[in-house]
């Protein structure tokens, strides 16, 4: 193999590593946002059970959405972004 081929392969691998690192950062942000949404929904439901918050359908729906919908939505976005490109 020529030196040029090896350098091209190394450059390609470095570009792949950088792209994967960027994807990892996005996943970490999505995971943090999901955890915050789940915690907020749990706190909201806990406050309702303790009587701190009055029963209103909108508040219960918001709490359940924070626990269920937000993490599911972020997971679906991540699944669509992580698919490799087609040749």
PDB file of N, CA and C in Angstrom:
ATOM      1  N   UNK A   1       0.834  -1.186   0.000  1.00  0.00           N
ATOM      2  CA  UNK A   1       0.000   0.000   0.000  1.00  0.00           C
ATOM      3  C   UNK A   1       0.875   1.245   0.000  1.00  0.00           C
ATOM      4  N   UNK A   2       0.424   2.224  -0.670  1.00  0.00           N
ATOM      5  CA  UNK A   2       1.139   3.489  -0.716  1.00  0.00           C
ATOM      6  C   UNK A   2       0.803   4.312   0.518  1.00  0.00           C
ATOM      7  N   UNK A   3       1.700   5.234   0.833  1.00  0.00           N
ATOM      8  CA  UNK A   3       1.474   6.095   1.994  1.00  0.00           C
ATOM      9  C   UNK A   3       0.218   6.940   1.838  1.00  0.00           C
ATOM     10  N   UNK A   4      -0.062   7.344   0.608  1.00  0.00           N
ATOM     11  CA  UNK A   4      -1.253   8.158   0.363  1.00  0.00           C
ATOM     12  C   UNK A   4      -2.524   7.411   0.701  1.00  0.00           C
ATOM     13  N   UNK A   5      -2.582   6.114   0.391  1.00  0.00           N
ATOM     14  CA  UNK A   5      -3.767   5.307   0.707  1.00  0.00           C
ATOM     15  C   UNK A   5      -3.970   5.191   2.204  1.00  0.00           C
ATOM     16  N   UNK A   6      -2.874   4.963   2.920  1.00  0.00           N
ATOM     17  CA  UNK A   6      -2.978   4.847   4.378  1.00  0.00           C
ATOM     18  C   UNK A   6      -3.413   6.166   5.000  1.00  0.00           C
ATOM     19  N   UNK A   7      -2.883   7.259   4.499  1.00  0.00           N
ATOM     20  CA  UNK A   7      -3.265   8.567   5.042  1.00  0.00           C
ATOM     21  C   UNK A   7      -4.740   8.856   4.760  1.00  0.00           C
ATOM     22  N   UNK A   8      -5.195   8.474   3.580  1.00  0.00           N
ATOM     23  CA  UNK A   8      -6.612   8.663   3.250  1.00  0.00           C
ATOM     24  C   UNK A   8      -7.505   7.829   4.165  1.00  0.00           C
ATOM     25  N   UNK A   9      -7.085   6.598   4.425  1.00  0.00           N
ATOM     26  CA  UNK A   9      -7.866   5.736   5.318  1.00  0.00           C
ATOM     27  C   UNK A   9      -7.892   6.302   6.736  1.00  0.00           C
ATOM     28  N   UNK A  10      -6.747   6.795   7.194  1.00  0.00           N
ATOM     29  CA  UNK A  10      -6.679   7.379   8.541  1.00  0.00           C
ATOM     30  C   UNK A  10      -7.560   8.620   8.621  1.00  0.00           C
ATOM     31  N   UNK A  11      -7.509   9.457   7.597  1.00  0.00           N
ATOM     32  CA  UNK A  11      -8.337  10.653   7.584  1.00  0.00           C
ATOM     33  C   UNK A  11      -9.815  10.286   7.584  1.00  0.00           C
ATOM     34  N   UNK A  12     -10.170   9.245   6.843  1.00  0.00           N
ATOM     35  CA  UNK A  12     -11.559   8.793   6.804  1.00  0.00           C
ATOM     36  C   UNK A  12     -11.989   8.260   8.169  1.00  0.00           C
ATOM     37  N   UNK A  13     -11.129   7.487   8.812  1.00  0.00           N
ATOM     38  CA  UNK A  13     -11.449   6.963  10.140  1.00  0.00           C
ATOM     39  C   UNK A  13     -11.577   8.090  11.168  1.00  0.00           C
ATOM     40  N   UNK A  14     -10.710   9.087  11.081  1.00  0.00           N
ATOM     41  CA  UNK A  14     -10.804  10.216  12.005  1.00  0.00           C
ATOM     42  C   UNK A  14     -12.107  10.985  11.804  1.00  0.00           C
ATOM     43  N   UNK A  15     -12.525  11.130  10.558  1.00  0.00           N
ATOM     44  CA  UNK A  15     -13.803  11.805  10.283  1.00  0.00           C
ATOM     45  C   UNK A  15     -14.968  10.995  10.840  1.00  0.00           C
ATOM     46  N   UNK A  16     -14.901   9.669  10.693  1.00  0.00           N
ATOM     47  CA  UNK A  16     -15.945   8.805  11.248  1.00  0.00           C
ATOM     48  C   UNK A  16     -16.001   8.913  12.767  1.00  0.00           C
ATOM     49  N   UNK A  17     -14.839   8.932  13.402  1.00  0.00           N
ATOM     50  CA  UNK A  17     -14.778   9.043  14.862  1.00  0.00           C
ATOM     51  C   UNK A  17     -15.374  10.366  15.318  1.00  0.00           C
ATOM     52  N   UNK A  18     -15.052  11.450  14.610  1.00  0.00           N
ATOM     53  CA  UNK A  18     -15.596  12.752  14.975  1.00  0.00           C
ATOM     54  C   UNK A  18     -17.114  12.785  14.821  1.00  0.00           C
ATOM     55  N   UNK A  19     -17.612  12.172  13.759  1.00  0.00           N
ATOM     56  CA  UNK A  19     -19.067  12.129  13.540  1.00  0.00           C
ATOM     57  C   UNK A  19     -19.746  11.310  14.640  1.00  0.00           C
ATOM     58  N   UNK A  20     -19.144  10.204  15.020  1.00  0.00           N
ATOM     59  CA  UNK A  20     -19.713   9.383  16.088  1.00  0.00           C
ATOM     60  C   UNK A  20     -19.670  10.109  17.431  1.00  0.00           C
ATOM     61  N   UNK A  21     -18.619  10.871  17.670  1.00  0.00           N
ATOM     62  CA  UNK A  21     -18.524  11.634  18.917  1.00  0.00           C
ATOM     63  C   UNK A  21     -19.625  12.695  18.976  1.00  0.00           C
ATOM     64  N   UNK A  22     -19.906  13.338  17.838  1.00  0.00           N
ATOM     65  CA  UNK A  22     -20.998  14.317  17.802  1.00  0.00           C
ATOM     66  C   UNK A  22     -22.344  13.645  18.085  1.00  0.00           C
ATOM     67  N   UNK A  23     -22.550  12.474  17.521  1.00  0.00           N
ATOM     68  CA  UNK A  23     -23.780  11.725  17.787  1.00  0.00           C
ATOM     69  C   UNK A  23     -23.904  11.341  19.250  1.00  0.00           C
ATOM     70  N   UNK A  24     -22.781  10.980  19.855  1.00  0.00           N
ATOM     71  CA  UNK A  24     -22.786  10.628  21.275  1.00  0.00           C
ATOM     72  C   UNK A  24     -23.170  11.829  22.133  1.00  0.00           C
ATOM     73  N   UNK A  25     -22.669  13.001  21.789  1.00  0.00           N
ATOM     74  CA  UNK A  25     -23.038  14.207  22.530  1.00  0.00           C
ATOM     75  C   UNK A  25     -24.531  14.487  22.419  1.00  0.00           C
ATOM     76  N   UNK A  26     -25.099  14.302  21.241  1.00  0.00           N
ATOM     77  CA  UNK A  26     -26.539  14.508  21.066  1.00  0.00           C
ATOM     78  C   UNK A  26     -27.334  13.506  21.888  1.00  0.00           C
ATOM     79  N   UNK A  27     -26.866  12.280  21.939  1.00  0.00           N
ATOM     80  CA  UNK A  27     -27.555  11.260  22.739  1.00  0.00           C
ATOM     81  C   UNK A  27     -27.510  11.606  24.223  1.00  0.00           C
ATOM     82  N   UNK A  28     -26.377  12.095  24.684  1.00  0.00           N
ATOM     83  CA  UNK A  28     -26.265  12.473  26.098  1.00  0.00           C
ATOM     84  C   UNK A  28     -27.228  13.606  26.441  1.00  0.00           C
ATOM     85  N   UNK A  29     -27.354  14.579  25.529  1.00  0.00           N
ATOM     86  CA  UNK A  29     -28.285  15.681  25.767  1.00  0.00           C
ATOM     87  C   UNK A  29     -29.721  15.172  25.801  1.00  0.00           C
ATOM     88  N   UNK A  30     -30.061  14.275  24.898  1.00  0.00           N
ATOM     89  CA  UNK A  30     -31.416  13.719  24.865  1.00  0.00           C
ATOM     90  C   UNK A  30     -31.691  12.908  26.125  1.00  0.00           C
ATOM     91  N   UNK A  31     -30.700  12.151  26.589  1.00  0.00           N
ATOM     92  CA  UNK A  31     -30.878  11.374  27.814  1.00  0.00           C
ATOM     93  C   UNK A  31     -31.108  12.290  29.010  1.00  0.00           C
ATOM     94  N   UNK A  32     -30.356  13.372  29.088  1.00  0.00           N
ATOM     95  CA  UNK A  32     -30.522  14.315  30.193  1.00  0.00           C
ATOM     96  C   UNK A  32     -31.904  14.957  30.148  1.00  0.00           C
ATOM     97  N   UNK A  33     -32.337  15.365  28.964  1.00  0.00           N
ATOM     98  CA  UNK A  33     -33.659  15.970  28.832  1.00  0.00           C
ATOM     99  C   UNK A  33     -34.754  14.977  29.225  1.00  0.00           C
ATOM    100  N   UNK A  34     -34.591  13.716  28.841  1.00  0.00           N
ATOM    101  CA  UNK A  34     -35.567  12.688  29.211  1.00  0.00           C
ATOM    102  C   UNK A  34     -35.627  12.503  30.722  1.00  0.00           C
ATOM    103  N   UNK A  35     -34.473  12.466  31.355  1.00  0.00           N
ATOM    104  CA  UNK A  35     -34.436  12.287  32.810  1.00  0.00           C
ATOM    105  C   UNK A  35     -35.088  13.468  33.530  1.00  0.00           C
ATOM    106  N   UNK A  36     -34.834  14.662  33.027  1.00  0.00           N
ATOM    107  CA  UNK A  36     -35.444  15.846  33.631  1.00  0.00           C
ATOM    108  C   UNK A  36     -36.964  15.807  33.463  1.00  0.00           C
ATOM    109  N   UNK A  37     -37.428  15.413  32.273  1.00  0.00           N
ATOM    110  CA  UNK A  37     -38.876  15.333  32.030  1.00  0.00           C
ATOM    111  C   UNK A  37     -39.520  14.276  32.922  1.00  0.00           C
ATOM    112  N   UNK A  38     -38.874  13.138  33.075  1.00  0.00           N
ATOM    113  CA  UNK A  38     -39.418  12.077  33.926  1.00  0.00           C
ATOM    114  C   UNK A  38     -39.458  12.542  35.382  1.00  0.00           C
ATOM    115  N   UNK A  39     -38.392  13.195  35.835  1.00  0.00           N
ATOM    116  CA  UNK A  39     -38.359  13.682  37.213  1.00  0.00           C
ATOM    117  C   UNK A  39     -39.436  14.740  37.448  1.00  0.00           C
ATOM    118  N   UNK A  40     -39.592  15.647  36.477  1.00  0.00           N
ATOM    119  CA  UNK A  40     -40.611  16.693  36.624  1.00  0.00           C
ATOM    120  C   UNK A  40     -42.008  16.088  36.688  1.00  0.00           C
ATOM    121  N   UNK A  41     -42.279  15.116  35.841  1.00  0.00           N
ATOM    122  CA  UNK A  41     -43.579  14.450  35.878  1.00  0.00           C
ATOM    123  C   UNK A  41     -43.801  13.706  37.181  1.00  0.00           C
ATOM    124  N   UNK A  42     -42.760  13.052  37.677  1.00  0.00           N
ATOM    125  CA  UNK A  42     -42.867  12.338  38.948  1.00  0.00           C
ATOM    126  C   UNK A  42     -43.111  13.277  40.112  1.00  0.00           C
ATOM    127  N   UNK A  43     -42.425  14.408  40.113  1.00  0.00           N
ATOM    128  CA  UNK A  43     -42.630  15.402  41.168  1.00  0.00           C
ATOM    129  C   UNK A  43     -44.053  15.946  41.104  1.00  0.00           C
ATOM    130  N   UNK A  44     -44.519  16.195  39.892  1.00  0.00           N
ATOM    131  CA  UNK A  44     -45.872  16.728  39.718  1.00  0.00           C
ATOM    132  C   UNK A  44     -46.926  15.749  40.243  1.00  0.00           C
ATOM    133  N   UNK A  45     -46.768  14.471  39.904  1.00  0.00           N
ATOM    134  CA  UNK A  45     -47.714  13.463  40.397  1.00  0.00           C
ATOM    135  C   UNK A  45     -47.589  13.288  41.909  1.00  0.00           C
ATOM    136  N   UNK A  46     -46.366  13.335  42.409  1.00  0.00           N
ATOM    137  CA  UNK A  46     -46.166  13.255  43.863  1.00  0.00           C
ATOM    138  C   UNK A  46     -46.820  14.419  44.589  1.00  0.00           C
ATOM    139  N   UNK A  47     -46.701  15.605  44.008  1.00  0.00           N
ATOM    140  CA  UNK A  47     -47.355  16.777  44.613  1.00  0.00           C
ATOM    141  C   UNK A  47     -48.866  16.618  44.589  1.00  0.00           C
ATOM    142  N   UNK A  48     -49.393  16.041  43.538  1.00  0.00           N
ATOM    143  CA  UNK A  48     -50.844  15.791  43.466  1.00  0.00           C
ATOM    144  C   UNK A  48     -51.261  14.798  44.544  1.00  0.00           C
ATOM    145  N   UNK A  49     -50.499  13.714  44.707  1.00  0.00           N
ATOM    146  CA  UNK A  49     -50.851  12.700  45.703  1.00  0.00           C
ATOM    147  C   UNK A  49     -50.764  13.249  47.124  1.00  0.00           C
ATOM    148  N   UNK A  50     -49.864  14.193  47.353  1.00  0.00           N
ATOM    149  CA  UNK A  50     -49.735  14.793  48.682  1.00  0.00           C
ATOM    150  C   UNK A  50     -50.737  15.917  48.908  1.00  0.00           C
ATOM    151  N   UNK A  51     -51.483  16.277  47.882  1.00  0.00           N
ATOM    152  CA  UNK A  51     -52.482  17.315  48.020  1.00  0.00           C
ATOM    153  C   UNK A  51     -51.967  18.719  47.815  1.00  0.00           C
ATOM    154  N   UNK A  52     -50.748  18.867  47.370  1.00  0.00           N
ATOM    155  CA  UNK A  52     -50.176  20.190  47.138  1.00  0.00           C
ATOM    156  C   UNK A  52     -50.781  20.825  45.887  1.00  0.00           C
ATOM    157  N   UNK A  53     -51.078  19.991  44.906  1.00  0.00           N
ATOM    158  CA  UNK A  53     -51.652  20.464  43.643  1.00  0.00           C
ATOM    159  C   UNK A  53     -53.072  19.934  43.541  1.00  0.00           C
ATOM    160  N   UNK A  54     -54.016  20.804  43.148  1.00  0.00           N
ATOM    161  CA  UNK A  54     -55.398  20.367  42.978  1.00  0.00           C
ATOM    162  C   UNK A  54     -55.523  19.523  41.719  1.00  0.00           C
ATOM    163  N   UNK A  55     -56.573  18.713  41.711  1.00  0.00           N
ATOM    164  CA  UNK A  55     -56.819  17.886  40.531  1.00  0.00           C
ATOM    165  C   UNK A  55     -57.373  18.741  39.403  1.00  0.00           C
ATOM    166  N   UNK A  56     -56.654  18.746  38.321  1.00  0.00           N
ATOM    167  CA  UNK A  56     -57.110  19.353  37.077  1.00  0.00           C
ATOM    168  C   UNK A  56     -56.635  18.429  35.963  1.00  0.00           C
ATOM    169  N   UNK A  57     -57.514  18.094  35.057  1.00  0.00           N
ATOM    170  CA  UNK A  57     -57.116  17.163  33.992  1.00  0.00           C
ATOM    171  C   UNK A  57     -55.881  17.620  33.219  1.00  0.00           C
ATOM    172  N   UNK A  58     -55.757  18.912  33.005  1.00  0.00           N
ATOM    173  CA  UNK A  58     -54.610  19.412  32.241  1.00  0.00           C
ATOM    174  C   UNK A  58     -53.298  19.138  32.970  1.00  0.00           C
ATOM    175  N   UNK A  59     -53.285  19.258  34.293  1.00  0.00           N
ATOM    176  CA  UNK A  59     -52.047  19.024  35.030  1.00  0.00           C
ATOM    177  C   UNK A  59     -51.667  17.548  35.021  1.00  0.00           C
ATOM    178  N   UNK A  60     -52.647  16.680  35.145  1.00  0.00           N
ATOM    179  CA  UNK A  60     -52.358  15.242  35.104  1.00  0.00           C
ATOM    180  C   UNK A  60     -51.865  14.846  33.719  1.00  0.00           C
ATOM    181  N   UNK A  61     -52.483  15.392  32.679  1.00  0.00           N
ATOM    182  CA  UNK A  61     -52.040  15.090  31.320  1.00  0.00           C
ATOM    183  C   UNK A  61     -50.625  15.593  31.096  1.00  0.00           C
ATOM    184  N   UNK A  62     -50.311  16.781  31.611  1.00  0.00           N
ATOM    185  CA  UNK A  62     -48.962  17.322  31.471  1.00  0.00           C
ATOM    186  C   UNK A  62     -47.938  16.449  32.184  1.00  0.00           C
ATOM    187  N   UNK A  63     -48.275  15.959  33.371  1.00  0.00           N
ATOM    188  CA  UNK A  63     -47.355  15.097  34.111  1.00  0.00           C
ATOM    189  C   UNK A  63     -47.139  13.778  33.391  1.00  0.00           C
ATOM    190  N   UNK A  64     -48.222  13.178  32.910  1.00  0.00           N
ATOM    191  CA  UNK A  64     -48.076  11.915  32.175  1.00  0.00           C
ATOM    192  C   UNK A  64     -47.329  12.117  30.865  1.00  0.00           C
ATOM    193  N   UNK A  65     -47.530  13.241  30.209  1.00  0.00           N
ATOM    194  CA  UNK A  65     -46.796  13.528  28.980  1.00  0.00           C
ATOM    195  C   UNK A  65     -45.313  13.659  29.268  1.00  0.00           C
ATOM    196  N   UNK A  66     -44.978  14.288  30.386  1.00  0.00           N
ATOM    197  CA  UNK A  66     -43.567  14.431  30.744  1.00  0.00           C
ATOM    198  C   UNK A  66     -42.920  13.082  31.009  1.00  0.00           C
ATOM    199  N   UNK A  67     -43.681  12.174  31.583  1.00  0.00           N
ATOM    200  CA  UNK A  67     -43.125  10.863  31.919  1.00  0.00           C
ATOM    201  C   UNK A  67     -43.075   9.940  30.710  1.00  0.00           C
ATOM    202  N   UNK A  68     -44.079   9.992  29.855  1.00  0.00           N
ATOM    203  CA  UNK A  68     -44.202   9.015  28.764  1.00  0.00           C
ATOM    204  C   UNK A  68     -43.830   9.589  27.403  1.00  0.00           C
ATOM    205  N   UNK A  69     -44.432  10.698  27.037  1.00  0.00           N
ATOM    206  CA  UNK A  69     -44.328  11.183  25.664  1.00  0.00           C
ATOM    207  C   UNK A  69     -42.960  11.763  25.347  1.00  0.00           C
ATOM    208  N   UNK A  70     -42.421  12.592  26.226  1.00  0.00           N
ATOM    209  CA  UNK A  70     -41.149  13.260  25.928  1.00  0.00           C
ATOM    210  C   UNK A  70     -40.018  12.255  25.713  1.00  0.00           C
ATOM    211  N   UNK A  71     -39.786  11.291  26.612  1.00  0.00           N
ATOM    212  CA  UNK A  71     -38.709  10.320  26.352  1.00  0.00           C
ATOM    213  C   UNK A  71     -38.968   9.480  25.097  1.00  0.00           C
ATOM    214  N   UNK A  72     -40.216   9.124  24.842  1.00  0.00           N
ATOM    215  CA  UNK A  72     -40.524   8.338  23.644  1.00  0.00           C
ATOM    216  C   UNK A  72     -40.245   9.138  22.382  1.00  0.00           C
ATOM    217  N   UNK A  73     -40.608  10.410  22.393  1.00  0.00           N
ATOM    218  CA  UNK A  73     -40.362  11.277  21.245  1.00  0.00           C
ATOM    219  C   UNK A  73     -38.864  11.420  20.989  1.00  0.00           C
ATOM    220  N   UNK A  74     -38.100  11.639  22.049  1.00  0.00           N
ATOM    221  CA  UNK A  74     -36.653  11.781  21.879  1.00  0.00           C
ATOM    222  C   UNK A  74     -36.019  10.485  21.388  1.00  0.00           C
ATOM    223  N   UNK A  75     -36.515   9.358  21.852  1.00  0.00           N
ATOM    224  CA  UNK A  75     -35.988   8.070  21.386  1.00  0.00           C
ATOM    225  C   UNK A  75     -36.285   7.853  19.909  1.00  0.00           C
ATOM    226  N   UNK A  76     -37.466   8.252  19.476  1.00  0.00           N
ATOM    227  CA  UNK A  76     -37.801   8.074  18.060  1.00  0.00           C
ATOM    228  C   UNK A  76     -36.958   8.982  17.178  1.00  0.00           C
ATOM    229  N   UNK A  77     -36.669  10.193  17.639  1.00  0.00           N
ATOM    230  CA  UNK A  77     -35.796  11.081  16.876  1.00  0.00           C
ATOM    231  C   UNK A  77     -34.401  10.482  16.767  1.00  0.00           C
ATOM    232  N   UNK A  78     -33.893   9.968  17.879  1.00  0.00           N
ATOM    233  CA  UNK A  78     -32.568   9.359  17.866  1.00  0.00           C
ATOM    234  C   UNK A  78     -32.490   8.142  16.973  1.00  0.00           C
ATOM    235  N   UNK A  79     -33.554   7.362  16.927  1.00  0.00           N
ATOM    236  CA  UNK A  79     -33.563   6.167  16.079  1.00  0.00           C
ATOM    237  C   UNK A  79     -33.514   6.545  14.608  1.00  0.00           C
ATOM    238  N   UNK A  80     -34.185   7.629  14.245  1.00  0.00           N
ATOM    239  CA  UNK A  80     -34.189   8.039  12.843  1.00  0.00           C
ATOM    240  C   UNK A  80     -32.866   8.683  12.445  1.00  0.00           C
ATOM    241  N   UNK A  81     -32.217   9.362  13.360  1.00  0.00           N
ATOM    242  CA  UNK A  81     -30.947  10.007  13.039  1.00  0.00           C
ATOM    243  C   UNK A  81     -29.785   9.020  13.003  1.00  0.00           C
ATOM    244  N   UNK A  82     -29.899   7.916  13.718  1.00  0.00           N
ATOM    245  CA  UNK A  82     -28.765   7.008  13.843  1.00  0.00           C
ATOM    246  C   UNK A  82     -28.699   5.971  12.723  1.00  0.00           C
ATOM    247  N   UNK A  83     -29.672   5.963  11.827  1.00  0.00           N
ATOM    248  CA  UNK A  83     -29.634   4.995  10.737  1.00  0.00           C
ATOM    249  C   UNK A  83     -28.525   5.369   9.766  1.00  0.00           C
ATOM    250  N   UNK A  84     -27.754   4.388   9.334  1.00  0.00           N
ATOM    251  CA  UNK A  84     -26.668   4.686   8.388  1.00  0.00           C
ATOM    252  C   UNK A  84     -27.235   5.077   7.026  1.00  0.00           C
ATOM    253  N   UNK A  85     -26.521   5.910   6.296  1.00  0.00           N
ATOM    254  CA  UNK A  85     -27.002   6.305   4.979  1.00  0.00           C
ATOM    255  C   UNK A  85     -26.991   5.136   4.014  1.00  0.00           C
ATOM    256  N   UNK A  86     -27.928   5.165   3.088  1.00  0.00           N
ATOM    257  CA  UNK A  86     -27.999   4.083   2.102  1.00  0.00           C
ATOM    258  C   UNK A  86     -27.012   4.346   0.979  1.00  0.00           C
ATOM    259  N   UNK A  87     -26.393   3.278   0.479  1.00  0.00           N
ATOM    260  CA  UNK A  87     -25.412   3.469  -0.610  1.00  0.00           C
ATOM    261  C   UNK A  87     -26.070   3.830  -1.920  1.00  0.00           C
TER     262      UNK A  87
END
